[in-house]
Structures are given as structure tokens and as C-alpha cells.
Amino acid sequence: MRTTPEHDQRIAKMIFASVYPHYIKKVETKGRTIKELHQVIEWLTGFDTQKLQELIDEKVTFETFFKNAKLNPNAHLITGTICGYKIEEIETPLTKQARYLDKLIDELAKGKKMEKILRQ
């Protein structure tokens, strides 16, 4: 699935720290914890809580965030639709990675078991 260059640029330049509070609110509203959120982020990116906080403090863009990430080798198993896009059909790597994260957080908020979210 093709995304527009404008869409891809908007994601690339978005500051991770500006979106992170929305992730927290989304999962806590549904009874999940920040610890679980961090577990999901670490599974996908390799960033532990300390590194994640550093990236938040540095106000890195999603482009920098994912450039520094060590993407989980099972990330390709994340499929489905998020924000109107079928993840497996997204062609732009950065946009796909951002949607992987969105999908995992969405699954966490929907109460899915952690083993399923982490594709174990």
C-alpha cells in the first residue's frame, strides 16, 4: 500500500516525546500499565526504559527513534490494519515501523495477552 510522501515525512518528523503521553493514556485508560507499554516498546525496538527516557528527553523524531532501534526479527509478524493502512502492504520502511508500534500499543490497549502481542 502506498502512502503519500507527505504522510511519510509527517511521521518521520514527528517528535516521539509528543506522542508518548498519548500511548500512556491509551493503555492506562484500558487498565494496562506503563511497565507493559515499555515491555512492548522494548520488544519492538530494543530500547530499555532508561534508553527510552533518554530518547524522550532528547526529543528525537520518529526517524531518529527508529534509526537507533534494533527492530525485533519477528516484527514482520505484526499484521493487520491500523490507521486505515494494512501494515503488511506499507512500502515505506519508517512508516511501516511506526505502524508496527501503533498496532502493538493498540493490541495492548484492547487487552490482548502479552504473549500474543509479542508474537511468541
PDB file of N, CA and C in Angstrom:
ATOM      1  N   MET A   1       0.855  -1.180   0.000  1.00  0.00           N
ATOM      2  CA  MET A   1       0.000   0.000   0.000  1.00  0.00           C
ATOM      3  C   MET A   1       0.894   1.233   0.000  1.00  0.00           C
ATOM      4  N   ARG A   2       0.588   2.122  -0.862  1.00  0.00           N
ATOM      5  CA  ARG A   2       1.377   3.342  -0.971  1.00  0.00           C
ATOM      6  C   ARG A   2       0.850   4.406  -0.025  1.00  0.00           C
ATOM      7  N   THR A   3       1.771   4.991   0.680  1.00  0.00           N
ATOM      8  CA  THR A   3       1.459   6.170   1.473  1.00  0.00           C
ATOM      9  C   THR A   3       1.995   7.356   0.677  1.00  0.00           C
ATOM     10  N   THR A   4       1.500   8.515   0.953  1.00  0.00           N
ATOM     11  CA  THR A   4       1.989   9.681   0.224  1.00  0.00           C
ATOM     12  C   THR A   4       3.327  10.136   0.817  1.00  0.00           C
ATOM     13  N   PRO A   5       4.160  10.782   0.006  1.00  0.00           N
ATOM     14  CA  PRO A   5       5.419  11.304   0.555  1.00  0.00           C
ATOM     15  C   PRO A   5       5.177  12.272   1.716  1.00  0.00           C
ATOM     16  N   GLU A   6       4.096  13.039   1.641  1.00  0.00           N
ATOM     17  CA  GLU A   6       3.766  13.974   2.723  1.00  0.00           C
ATOM     18  C   GLU A   6       3.452  13.222   4.017  1.00  0.00           C
ATOM     19  N   HIS A   7       2.700  12.143   3.894  1.00  0.00           N
ATOM     20  CA  HIS A   7       2.358  11.309   5.046  1.00  0.00           C
ATOM     21  C   HIS A   7       3.629  10.737   5.673  1.00  0.00           C
ATOM     22  N   ASP A   8       4.505  10.206   4.837  1.00  0.00           N
ATOM     23  CA  ASP A   8       5.746   9.618   5.330  1.00  0.00           C
ATOM     24  C   ASP A   8       6.625  10.665   6.014  1.00  0.00           C
ATOM     25  N   GLN A   9       6.703  11.860   5.435  1.00  0.00           N
ATOM     26  CA  GLN A   9       7.508  12.933   6.027  1.00  0.00           C
ATOM     27  C   GLN A   9       6.936  13.389   7.370  1.00  0.00           C
ATOM     28  N   ARG A  10       5.612  13.452   7.440  1.00  0.00           N
ATOM     29  CA  ARG A  10       4.964  13.863   8.694  1.00  0.00           C
ATOM     30  C   ARG A  10       5.324  12.893   9.814  1.00  0.00           C
ATOM     31  N   ILE A  11       5.304  11.604   9.516  1.00  0.00           N
ATOM     32  CA  ILE A  11       5.679  10.598  10.522  1.00  0.00           C
ATOM     33  C   ILE A  11       7.160  10.727  10.867  1.00  0.00           C
ATOM     34  N   ALA A  12       8.003  10.878   9.859  1.00  0.00           N
ATOM     35  CA  ALA A  12       9.449  10.968  10.082  1.00  0.00           C
ATOM     36  C   ALA A  12       9.811  12.136  10.992  1.00  0.00           C
ATOM     37  N   LYS A  13       9.141  13.273  10.819  1.00  0.00           N
ATOM     38  CA  LYS A  13       9.489  14.488  11.565  1.00  0.00           C
ATOM     39  C   LYS A  13       8.742  14.633  12.889  1.00  0.00           C
ATOM     40  N   MET A  14       7.794  13.757  13.145  1.00  0.00           N
ATOM     41  CA  MET A  14       7.044  13.813  14.399  1.00  0.00           C
ATOM     42  C   MET A  14       7.977  13.497  15.569  1.00  0.00           C
ATOM     43  N   ILE A  15       7.844  14.242  16.641  1.00  0.00           N
ATOM     44  CA  ILE A  15       8.678  14.039  17.832  1.00  0.00           C
ATOM     45  C   ILE A  15       8.067  12.913  18.676  1.00  0.00           C
ATOM     46  N   PHE A  16       8.876  11.887  18.946  1.00  0.00           N
ATOM     47  CA  PHE A  16       8.387  10.748  19.718  1.00  0.00           C
ATOM     48  C   PHE A  16       7.828  11.191  21.065  1.00  0.00           C
ATOM     49  N   ALA A  17       8.510  12.114  21.734  1.00  0.00           N
ATOM     50  CA  ALA A  17       8.077  12.574  23.059  1.00  0.00           C
ATOM     51  C   ALA A  17       6.698  13.222  23.025  1.00  0.00           C
ATOM     52  N   SER A  18       6.281  13.741  21.878  1.00  0.00           N
ATOM     53  CA  SER A  18       4.963  14.364  21.789  1.00  0.00           C
ATOM     54  C   SER A  18       3.847  13.322  21.672  1.00  0.00           C
ATOM     55  N   VAL A  19       4.185  12.141  21.228  1.00  0.00           N
ATOM     56  CA  VAL A  19       3.196  11.071  21.050  1.00  0.00           C
ATOM     57  C   VAL A  19       3.162  10.138  22.260  1.00  0.00           C
ATOM     58  N   TYR A  20       4.296   9.991  22.917  1.00  0.00           N
ATOM     59  CA  TYR A  20       4.436   9.067  24.040  1.00  0.00           C
ATOM     60  C   TYR A  20       3.363   9.241  25.124  1.00  0.00           C
ATOM     61  N   PRO A  21       3.016  10.481  25.546  1.00  0.00           N
ATOM     62  CA  PRO A  21       1.951  10.623  26.555  1.00  0.00           C
ATOM     63  C   PRO A  21       0.606  10.068  26.080  1.00  0.00           C
ATOM     64  N   HIS A  22       0.367  10.114  24.787  1.00  0.00           N
ATOM     65  CA  HIS A  22      -0.878   9.552  24.241  1.00  0.00           C
ATOM     66  C   HIS A  22      -0.868   8.028  24.336  1.00  0.00           C
ATOM     67  N   TYR A  23       0.311   7.440  24.151  1.00  0.00           N
ATOM     68  CA  TYR A  23       0.442   5.984  24.326  1.00  0.00           C
ATOM     69  C   TYR A  23       0.106   5.605  25.764  1.00  0.00           C
ATOM     70  N   ILE A  24       0.671   6.360  26.707  1.00  0.00           N
ATOM     71  CA  ILE A  24       0.422   6.088  28.128  1.00  0.00           C
ATOM     72  C   ILE A  24      -1.070   6.197  28.430  1.00  0.00           C
ATOM     73  N   LYS A  25      -1.674   7.287  28.000  1.00  0.00           N
ATOM     74  CA  LYS A  25      -3.096   7.499  28.276  1.00  0.00           C
ATOM     75  C   LYS A  25      -3.939   6.380  27.675  1.00  0.00           C
ATOM     76  N   LYS A  26      -3.610   5.984  26.444  1.00  0.00           N
ATOM     77  CA  LYS A  26      -4.381   4.942  25.772  1.00  0.00           C
ATOM     78  C   LYS A  26      -4.341   3.622  26.539  1.00  0.00           C
ATOM     79  N   VAL A  27      -3.152   3.213  26.980  1.00  0.00           N
ATOM     80  CA  VAL A  27      -3.066   1.919  27.663  1.00  0.00           C
ATOM     81  C   VAL A  27      -3.596   1.987  29.087  1.00  0.00           C
ATOM     82  N   GLU A  28      -3.320   3.090  29.808  1.00  0.00           N
ATOM     83  CA  GLU A  28      -3.805   3.192  31.191  1.00  0.00           C
ATOM     84  C   GLU A  28      -5.321   3.307  31.247  1.00  0.00           C
ATOM     85  N   THR A  29      -5.916   3.987  30.281  1.00  0.00           N
ATOM     86  CA  THR A  29      -7.375   4.104  30.230  1.00  0.00           C
ATOM     87  C   THR A  29      -8.027   2.727  30.123  1.00  0.00           C
ATOM     88  N   LYS A  30      -7.314   1.804  29.491  1.00  0.00           N
ATOM     89  CA  LYS A  30      -7.839   0.455  29.299  1.00  0.00           C
ATOM     90  C   LYS A  30      -7.339  -0.539  30.346  1.00  0.00           C
ATOM     91  N   GLY A  31      -6.728  -0.009  31.432  1.00  0.00           N
ATOM     92  CA  GLY A  31      -6.329  -0.874  32.535  1.00  0.00           C
ATOM     93  C   GLY A  31      -4.974  -1.534  32.383  1.00  0.00           C
ATOM     94  N   ARG A  32      -4.185  -1.101  31.415  1.00  0.00           N
ATOM     95  CA  ARG A  32      -2.839  -1.653  31.268  1.00  0.00           C
ATOM     96  C   ARG A  32      -1.852  -0.693  31.928  1.00  0.00           C
ATOM     97  N   THR A  33      -0.602  -1.118  32.058  1.00  0.00           N
ATOM     98  CA  THR A  33       0.376  -0.336  32.812  1.00  0.00           C
ATOM     99  C   THR A  33       1.477   0.234  31.915  1.00  0.00           C
ATOM    100  N   ILE A  34       2.162   1.236  32.464  1.00  0.00           N
ATOM    101  CA  ILE A  34       3.322   1.800  31.763  1.00  0.00           C
ATOM    102  C   ILE A  34       4.398   0.725  31.619  1.00  0.00           C
ATOM    103  N   LYS A  35       4.526  -0.123  32.620  1.00  0.00           N
ATOM    104  CA  LYS A  35       5.503  -1.218  32.545  1.00  0.00           C
ATOM    105  C   LYS A  35       5.210  -2.112  31.335  1.00  0.00           C
ATOM    106  N   GLU A  36       3.945  -2.423  31.113  1.00  0.00           N
ATOM    107  CA  GLU A  36       3.580  -3.235  29.950  1.00  0.00           C
ATOM    108  C   GLU A  36       3.860  -2.477  28.649  1.00  0.00           C
ATOM    109  N   LEU A  37       3.573  -1.178  28.650  1.00  0.00           N
ATOM    110  CA  LEU A  37       3.863  -0.352  27.478  1.00  0.00           C
ATOM    111  C   LEU A  37       5.355  -0.401  27.167  1.00  0.00           C
ATOM    112  N   HIS A  38       6.186  -0.248  28.190  1.00  0.00           N
ATOM    113  CA  HIS A  38       7.633  -0.290  27.994  1.00  0.00           C
ATOM    114  C   HIS A  38       8.087  -1.665  27.520  1.00  0.00           C
ATOM    115  N   GLN A  39       7.441  -2.704  27.998  1.00  0.00           N
ATOM    116  CA  GLN A  39       7.777  -4.063  27.561  1.00  0.00           C
ATOM    117  C   GLN A  39       7.520  -4.218  26.062  1.00  0.00           C
ATOM    118  N   VAL A  40       6.419  -3.687  25.598  1.00  0.00           N
ATOM    119  CA  VAL A  40       6.061  -3.755  24.181  1.00  0.00           C
ATOM    120  C   VAL A  40       7.061  -2.943  23.343  1.00  0.00           C
ATOM    121  N   ILE A  41       7.375  -1.737  23.807  1.00  0.00           N
ATOM    122  CA  ILE A  41       8.319  -0.886  23.075  1.00  0.00           C
ATOM    123  C   ILE A  41       9.707  -1.541  23.036  1.00  0.00           C
ATOM    124  N   GLU A  42      10.116  -2.120  24.165  1.00  0.00           N
ATOM    125  CA  GLU A  42      11.427  -2.776  24.201  1.00  0.00           C
ATOM    126  C   GLU A  42      11.461  -3.982  23.281  1.00  0.00           C
ATOM    127  N   TRP A  43      10.385  -4.750  23.238  1.00  0.00           N
ATOM    128  CA  TRP A  43      10.341  -5.911  22.348  1.00  0.00           C
ATOM    129  C   TRP A  43      10.540  -5.472  20.897  1.00  0.00           C
ATOM    130  N   LEU A  44       9.863  -4.413  20.499  1.00  0.00           N
ATOM    131  CA  LEU A  44       9.946  -3.960  19.115  1.00  0.00           C
ATOM    132  C   LEU A  44      11.280  -3.290  18.791  1.00  0.00           C
ATOM    133  N   THR A  45      11.771  -2.436  19.691  1.00  0.00           N
ATOM    134  CA  THR A  45      12.904  -1.564  19.363  1.00  0.00           C
ATOM    135  C   THR A  45      14.225  -1.940  20.016  1.00  0.00           C
ATOM    136  N   GLY A  46      14.167  -2.692  21.104  1.00  0.00           N
ATOM    137  CA  GLY A  46      15.369  -2.999  21.861  1.00  0.00           C
ATOM    138  C   GLY A  46      15.697  -1.939  22.905  1.00  0.00           C
ATOM    139  N   PHE A  47      14.909  -0.857  22.986  1.00  0.00           N
ATOM    140  CA  PHE A  47      15.172   0.217  23.947  1.00  0.00           C
ATOM    141  C   PHE A  47      14.634  -0.148  25.320  1.00  0.00           C
ATOM    142  N   ASP A  48      15.530  -0.217  26.312  1.00  0.00           N
ATOM    143  CA  ASP A  48      15.064  -0.428  27.681  1.00  0.00           C
ATOM    144  C   ASP A  48      14.497   0.895  28.197  1.00  0.00           C
ATOM    145  N   THR A  49      13.959   0.873  29.399  1.00  0.00           N
ATOM    146  CA  THR A  49      13.298   2.058  29.961  1.00  0.00           C
ATOM    147  C   THR A  49      14.251   3.248  30.037  1.00  0.00           C
ATOM    148  N   GLN A  50      15.495   3.003  30.417  1.00  0.00           N
ATOM    149  CA  GLN A  50      16.471   4.098  30.525  1.00  0.00           C
ATOM    150  C   GLN A  50      16.741   4.733  29.162  1.00  0.00           C
ATOM    151  N   LYS A  51      16.981   3.904  28.151  1.00  0.00           N
ATOM    152  CA  LYS A  51      17.255   4.429  26.804  1.00  0.00           C
ATOM    153  C   LYS A  51      16.018   5.145  26.259  1.00  0.00           C
ATOM    154  N   LEU A  52      14.858   4.592  26.513  1.00  0.00           N
ATOM    155  CA  LEU A  52      13.614   5.217  26.071  1.00  0.00           C
ATOM    156  C   LEU A  52      13.481   6.612  26.673  1.00  0.00           C
ATOM    157  N   GLN A  53      13.774   6.739  27.960  1.00  0.00           N
ATOM    158  CA  GLN A  53      13.705   8.047  28.618  1.00  0.00           C
ATOM    159  C   GLN A  53      14.710   9.029  28.021  1.00  0.00           C
ATOM    160  N   GLU A  54      15.895   8.544  27.689  1.00  0.00           N
ATOM    161  CA  GLU A  54      16.898   9.401  27.046  1.00  0.00           C
ATOM    162  C   GLU A  54      16.377   9.943  25.714  1.00  0.00           C
ATOM    163  N   LEU A  55      15.768   9.078  24.929  1.00  0.00           N
ATOM    164  CA  LEU A  55      15.237   9.481  23.627  1.00  0.00           C
ATOM    165  C   LEU A  55      14.089  10.484  23.790  1.00  0.00           C
ATOM    166  N   ILE A  56      13.286  10.286  24.820  1.00  0.00           N
ATOM    167  CA  ILE A  56      12.195  11.222  25.117  1.00  0.00           C
ATOM    168  C   ILE A  56      12.786  12.572  25.517  1.00  0.00           C
ATOM    169  N   ASP A  57      13.787  12.553  26.396  1.00  0.00           N
ATOM    170  CA  ASP A  57      14.422  13.785  26.857  1.00  0.00           C
ATOM    171  C   ASP A  57      15.106  14.537  25.708  1.00  0.00           C
ATOM    172  N   GLU A  58      15.659  13.791  24.758  1.00  0.00           N
ATOM    173  CA  GLU A  58      16.336  14.397  23.611  1.00  0.00           C
ATOM    174  C   GLU A  58      15.352  14.895  22.554  1.00  0.00           C
ATOM    175  N   LYS A  59      14.081  14.557  22.738  1.00  0.00           N
ATOM    176  CA  LYS A  59      13.032  14.955  21.787  1.00  0.00           C
ATOM    177  C   LYS A  59      13.367  14.529  20.356  1.00  0.00           C
ATOM    178  N   VAL A  60      13.729  13.249  20.219  1.00  0.00           N
ATOM    179  CA  VAL A  60      14.074  12.725  18.896  1.00  0.00           C
ATOM    180  C   VAL A  60      12.827  12.558  18.033  1.00  0.00           C
ATOM    181  N   THR A  61      13.032  12.626  16.736  1.00  0.00           N
ATOM    182  CA  THR A  61      11.953  12.379  15.785  1.00  0.00           C
ATOM    183  C   THR A  61      11.743  10.872  15.658  1.00  0.00           C
ATOM    184  N   PHE A  62      10.626  10.480  15.052  1.00  0.00           N
ATOM    185  CA  PHE A  62      10.407   9.058  14.791  1.00  0.00           C
ATOM    186  C   PHE A  62      11.493   8.524  13.869  1.00  0.00           C
ATOM    187  N   GLU A  63      11.968   9.370  12.953  1.00  0.00           N
ATOM    188  CA  GLU A  63      13.040   8.957  12.052  1.00  0.00           C
ATOM    189  C   GLU A  63      14.279   8.555  12.846  1.00  0.00           C
ATOM    190  N   THR A  64      14.694   9.380  13.779  1.00  0.00           N
ATOM    191  CA  THR A  64      15.857   9.086  14.624  1.00  0.00           C
ATOM    192  C   THR A  64      15.561   7.923  15.569  1.00  0.00           C
ATOM    193  N   PHE A  65      14.360   7.910  16.127  1.00  0.00           N
ATOM    194  CA  PHE A  65      13.947   6.849  17.042  1.00  0.00           C
ATOM    195  C   PHE A  65      14.139   5.481  16.385  1.00  0.00           C
ATOM    196  N   PHE A  66      13.599   5.321  15.179  1.00  0.00           N
ATOM    197  CA  PHE A  66      13.688   4.014  14.525  1.00  0.00           C
ATOM    198  C   PHE A  66      15.053   3.766  13.891  1.00  0.00           C
ATOM    199  N   LYS A  67      15.783   4.824  13.561  1.00  0.00           N
ATOM    200  CA  LYS A  67      17.143   4.655  13.034  1.00  0.00           C
ATOM    201  C   LYS A  67      18.031   4.035  14.116  1.00  0.00           C
ATOM    202  N   ASN A  68      17.790   4.403  15.382  1.00  0.00           N
ATOM    203  CA  ASN A  68      18.570   3.885  16.506  1.00  0.00           C
ATOM    204  C   ASN A  68      18.045   2.557  17.049  1.00  0.00           C
ATOM    205  N   ALA A  69      16.870   2.159  16.613  1.00  0.00           N
ATOM    206  CA  ALA A  69      16.251   0.933  17.122  1.00  0.00           C
ATOM    207  C   ALA A  69      16.896  -0.307  16.503  1.00  0.00           C
ATOM    208  N   LYS A  70      16.859  -1.365  17.273  1.00  0.00           N
ATOM    209  CA  LYS A  70      17.262  -2.684  16.775  1.00  0.00           C
ATOM    210  C   LYS A  70      15.955  -3.468  16.669  1.00  0.00           C
ATOM    211  N   LEU A  71      15.321  -3.360  15.504  1.00  0.00           N
ATOM    212  CA  LEU A  71      13.991  -3.922  15.317  1.00  0.00           C
ATOM    213  C   LEU A  71      13.975  -5.434  15.574  1.00  0.00           C
ATOM    214  N   ASN A  72      12.984  -5.875  16.320  1.00  0.00           N
ATOM    215  CA  ASN A  72      12.841  -7.295  16.627  1.00  0.00           C
ATOM    216  C   ASN A  72      12.718  -8.086  15.323  1.00  0.00           C
ATOM    217  N   PRO A  73      13.440  -9.212  15.211  1.00  0.00           N
ATOM    218  CA  PRO A  73      13.374 -10.010  13.983  1.00  0.00           C
ATOM    219  C   PRO A  73      11.969 -10.553  13.681  1.00  0.00           C
ATOM    220  N   ASN A  74      11.101 -10.604  14.692  1.00  0.00           N
ATOM    221  CA  ASN A  74       9.734 -11.069  14.472  1.00  0.00           C
ATOM    222  C   ASN A  74       8.752  -9.939  14.196  1.00  0.00           C
ATOM    223  N   ALA A  75       9.255  -8.720  14.025  1.00  0.00           N
ATOM    224  CA  ALA A  75       8.370  -7.580  13.777  1.00  0.00           C
ATOM    225  C   ALA A  75       7.528  -7.791  12.523  1.00  0.00           C
ATOM    226  N   HIS A  76       8.069  -8.513  11.544  1.00  0.00           N
ATOM    227  CA  HIS A  76       7.309  -8.754  10.307  1.00  0.00           C
ATOM    228  C   HIS A  76       6.024  -9.557  10.552  1.00  0.00           C
ATOM    229  N   LEU A  77       5.917 -10.171  11.721  1.00  0.00           N
ATOM    230  CA  LEU A  77       4.708 -10.931  12.062  1.00  0.00           C
ATOM    231  C   LEU A  77       3.556 -10.019  12.496  1.00  0.00           C
ATOM    232  N   ILE A  78       3.832  -8.731  12.660  1.00  0.00           N
ATOM    233  CA  ILE A  78       2.796  -7.770  13.033  1.00  0.00           C
ATOM    234  C   ILE A  78       2.029  -7.421  11.763  1.00  0.00           C
ATOM    235  N   THR A  79       0.780  -7.831  11.736  1.00  0.00           N
ATOM    236  CA  THR A  79      -0.050  -7.598  10.553  1.00  0.00           C
ATOM    237  C   THR A  79      -1.391  -7.026  10.982  1.00  0.00           C
ATOM    238  N   GLY A  80      -2.168  -6.655  10.016  1.00  0.00           N
ATOM    239  CA  GLY A  80      -3.493  -6.126  10.300  1.00  0.00           C
ATOM    240  C   GLY A  80      -3.594  -4.678   9.870  1.00  0.00           C
ATOM    241  N   THR A  81      -4.706  -4.074  10.203  1.00  0.00           N
ATOM    242  CA  THR A  81      -4.973  -2.704   9.793  1.00  0.00           C
ATOM    243  C   THR A  81      -4.839  -1.762  10.979  1.00  0.00           C
ATOM    244  N   ILE A  82      -4.172  -0.650  10.733  1.00  0.00           N
ATOM    245  CA  ILE A  82      -4.043   0.403  11.739  1.00  0.00           C
ATOM    246  C   ILE A  82      -4.075   1.738  11.002  1.00  0.00           C
ATOM    247  N   CYS A  83      -4.860   2.651  11.506  1.00  0.00           N
ATOM    248  CA  CYS A  83      -4.994   3.984  10.902  1.00  0.00           C
ATOM    249  C   CYS A  83      -5.382   3.899   9.428  1.00  0.00           C
ATOM    250  N   GLY A  84      -6.151   2.887   9.077  1.00  0.00           N
ATOM    251  CA  GLY A  84      -6.629   2.743   7.705  1.00  0.00           C
ATOM    252  C   GLY A  84      -5.646   2.095   6.746  1.00  0.00           C
ATOM    253  N   TYR A  85      -4.510   1.645   7.234  1.00  0.00           N
ATOM    254  CA  TYR A  85      -3.498   1.023   6.383  1.00  0.00           C
ATOM    255  C   TYR A  85      -3.280  -0.427   6.800  1.00  0.00           C
ATOM    256  N   LYS A  86      -3.163  -1.325   5.808  1.00  0.00           N
ATOM    257  CA  LYS A  86      -2.771  -2.703   6.091  1.00  0.00           C
ATOM    258  C   LYS A  86      -1.255  -2.682   6.264  1.00  0.00           C
ATOM    259  N   ILE A  87      -0.798  -3.006   7.440  1.00  0.00           N
ATOM    260  CA  ILE A  87       0.619  -2.896   7.777  1.00  0.00           C
ATOM    261  C   ILE A  87       1.504  -3.649   6.788  1.00  0.00           C
ATOM    262  N   GLU A  88       1.116  -4.870   6.460  1.00  0.00           N
ATOM    263  CA  GLU A  88       1.967  -5.698   5.598  1.00  0.00           C
ATOM    264  C   GLU A  88       2.091  -5.145   4.179  1.00  0.00           C
ATOM    265  N   GLU A  89       1.253  -4.175   3.818  1.00  0.00           N
ATOM    266  CA  GLU A  89       1.294  -3.593   2.476  1.00  0.00           C
ATOM    267  C   GLU A  89       1.979  -2.228   2.434  1.00  0.00           C
ATOM    268  N   ILE A  90       2.368  -1.698   3.576  1.00  0.00           N
ATOM    269  CA  ILE A  90       3.047  -0.397   3.611  1.00  0.00           C
ATOM    270  C   ILE A  90       4.452  -0.569   3.054  1.00  0.00           C
ATOM    271  N   GLU A  91       4.811   0.271   2.095  1.00  0.00           N
ATOM    272  CA  GLU A  91       6.097   0.134   1.404  1.00  0.00           C
ATOM    273  C   GLU A  91       7.231   0.921   2.043  1.00  0.00           C
ATOM    274  N   THR A  92       6.935   2.047   2.665  1.00  0.00           N
ATOM    275  CA  THR A  92       7.974   2.880   3.259  1.00  0.00           C
ATOM    276  C   THR A  92       8.396   2.292   4.612  1.00  0.00           C
ATOM    277  N   PRO A  93       9.686   1.894   4.746  1.00  0.00           N
ATOM    278  CA  PRO A  93      10.126   1.223   5.983  1.00  0.00           C
ATOM    279  C   PRO A  93       9.822   1.997   7.263  1.00  0.00           C
ATOM    280  N   LEU A  94      10.109   3.282   7.316  1.00  0.00           N
ATOM    281  CA  LEU A  94       9.871   4.044   8.535  1.00  0.00           C
ATOM    282  C   LEU A  94       8.391   4.097   8.881  1.00  0.00           C
ATOM    283  N   THR A  95       7.558   4.323   7.898  1.00  0.00           N
ATOM    284  CA  THR A  95       6.118   4.362   8.134  1.00  0.00           C
ATOM    285  C   THR A  95       5.639   3.001   8.627  1.00  0.00           C
ATOM    286  N   LYS A  96       6.158   1.937   8.052  1.00  0.00           N
ATOM    287  CA  LYS A  96       5.786   0.586   8.482  1.00  0.00           C
ATOM    288  C   LYS A  96       6.196   0.366   9.935  1.00  0.00           C
ATOM    289  N   GLN A  97       7.404   0.795  10.306  1.00  0.00           N
ATOM    290  CA  GLN A  97       7.879   0.620  11.676  1.00  0.00           C
ATOM    291  C   GLN A  97       7.019   1.403  12.668  1.00  0.00           C
ATOM    292  N   ALA A  98       6.653   2.624  12.296  1.00  0.00           N
ATOM    293  CA  ALA A  98       5.784   3.427  13.170  1.00  0.00           C
ATOM    294  C   ALA A  98       4.424   2.753  13.326  1.00  0.00           C
ATOM    295  N   ARG A  99       3.917   2.177  12.275  1.00  0.00           N
ATOM    296  CA  ARG A  99       2.624   1.480  12.344  1.00  0.00           C
ATOM    297  C   ARG A  99       2.735   0.175  13.123  1.00  0.00           C
ATOM    298  N   TYR A 100       3.901  -0.478  13.076  1.00  0.00           N
ATOM    299  CA  TYR A 100       4.123  -1.644  13.944  1.00  0.00           C
ATOM    300  C   TYR A 100       3.902  -1.231  15.398  1.00  0.00           C
ATOM    301  N   LEU A 101       4.525  -0.130  15.786  1.00  0.00           N
ATOM    302  CA  LEU A 101       4.408   0.353  17.166  1.00  0.00           C
ATOM    303  C   LEU A 101       2.961   0.696  17.490  1.00  0.00           C
ATOM    304  N   ASP A 102       2.292   1.400  16.582  1.00  0.00           N
ATOM    305  CA  ASP A 102       0.880   1.740  16.794  1.00  0.00           C
ATOM    306  C   ASP A 102       0.036   0.485  16.995  1.00  0.00           C
ATOM    307  N   LYS A 103       0.286  -0.527  16.183  1.00  0.00           N
ATOM    308  CA  LYS A 103      -0.501  -1.766  16.246  1.00  0.00           C
ATOM    309  C   LYS A 103      -0.269  -2.484  17.581  1.00  0.00           C
ATOM    310  N   LEU A 104       0.983  -2.555  18.020  1.00  0.00           N
ATOM    311  CA  LEU A 104       1.273  -3.223  19.293  1.00  0.00           C
ATOM    312  C   LEU A 104       0.595  -2.508  20.455  1.00  0.00           C
ATOM    313  N   ILE A 105       0.648  -1.190  20.446  1.00  0.00           N
ATOM    314  CA  ILE A 105       0.018  -0.415  21.522  1.00  0.00           C
ATOM    315  C   ILE A 105      -1.495  -0.570  21.467  1.00  0.00           C
ATOM    316  N   ASP A 106      -2.039  -0.621  20.277  1.00  0.00           N
ATOM    317  CA  ASP A 106      -3.471  -0.840  20.109  1.00  0.00           C
ATOM    318  C   ASP A 106      -3.875  -2.207  20.671  1.00  0.00           C
ATOM    319  N   GLU A 107      -3.089  -3.227  20.377  1.00  0.00           N
ATOM    320  CA  GLU A 107      -3.376  -4.567  20.897  1.00  0.00           C
ATOM    321  C   GLU A 107      -3.280  -4.599  22.418  1.00  0.00           C
ATOM    322  N   LEU A 108      -2.299  -3.910  22.967  1.00  0.00           N
ATOM    323  CA  LEU A 108      -2.151  -3.829  24.421  1.00  0.00           C
ATOM    324  C   LEU A 108      -3.389  -3.179  25.026  1.00  0.00           C
ATOM    325  N   ALA A 109      -3.812  -2.067  24.454  1.00  0.00           N
ATOM    326  CA  ALA A 109      -4.983  -1.348  24.970  1.00  0.00           C
ATOM    327  C   ALA A 109      -6.260  -2.171  24.838  1.00  0.00           C
ATOM    328  N   LYS A 110      -6.317  -3.041  23.849  1.00  0.00           N
ATOM    329  CA  LYS A 110      -7.514  -3.860  23.648  1.00  0.00           C
ATOM    330  C   LYS A 110      -7.533  -5.103  24.533  1.00  0.00           C
ATOM    331  N   GLY A 111      -6.488  -5.258  25.370  1.00  0.00           N
ATOM    332  CA  GLY A 111      -6.490  -6.349  26.342  1.00  0.00           C
ATOM    333  C   GLY A 111      -5.924  -7.658  25.845  1.00  0.00           C
ATOM    334  N   LYS A 112      -5.263  -7.644  24.713  1.00  0.00           N
ATOM    335  CA  LYS A 112      -4.668  -8.867  24.190  1.00  0.00           C
ATOM    336  C   LYS A 112      -3.596  -9.367  25.154  1.00  0.00           C
ATOM    337  N   LYS A 113      -3.423 -10.673  25.225  1.00  0.00           N
ATOM    338  CA  LYS A 113      -2.407 -11.267  26.093  1.00  0.00           C
ATOM    339  C   LYS A 113      -1.015 -10.890  25.585  1.00  0.00           C
ATOM    340  N   MET A 114      -0.103 -10.652  26.527  1.00  0.00           N
ATOM    341  CA  MET A 114       1.241 -10.202  26.182  1.00  0.00           C
ATOM    342  C   MET A 114       1.956 -11.187  25.253  1.00  0.00           C
ATOM    343  N   GLU A 115       1.753 -12.487  25.448  1.00  0.00           N
ATOM    344  CA  GLU A 115       2.410 -13.488  24.594  1.00  0.00           C
ATOM    345  C   GLU A 115       2.004 -13.302  23.128  1.00  0.00           C
ATOM    346  N   LYS A 116       0.746 -12.957  22.910  1.00  0.00           N
ATOM    347  CA  LYS A 116       0.241 -12.742  21.548  1.00  0.00           C
ATOM    348  C   LYS A 116       0.784 -11.431  20.976  1.00  0.00           C
ATOM    349  N   ILE A 117       0.801 -10.391  21.812  1.00  0.00           N
ATOM    350  CA  ILE A 117       1.310  -9.099  21.363  1.00  0.00           C
ATOM    351  C   ILE A 117       2.760  -9.210  20.945  1.00  0.00           C
ATOM    352  N   LEU A 118       3.543  -9.930  21.725  1.00  0.00           N
ATOM    353  CA  LEU A 118       4.977 -10.053  21.467  1.00  0.00           C
ATOM    354  C   LEU A 118       5.307 -11.184  20.495  1.00  0.00           C
ATOM    355  N   ARG A 119       4.304 -11.700  19.846  1.00  0.00           N
ATOM    356  CA  ARG A 119       4.468 -12.703  18.792  1.00  0.00           C
ATOM    357  C   ARG A 119       5.361 -13.863  19.243  1.00  0.00           C
ATOM    358  N   GLN A 120       5.010 -14.430  20.433  1.00  0.00           N
ATOM    359  CA  GLN A 120       5.794 -15.552  20.972  1.00  0.00           C
ATOM    360  C   GLN A 120       5.122 -16.859  20.677  1.00  0.00           C
TER     361      GLN A 120
END
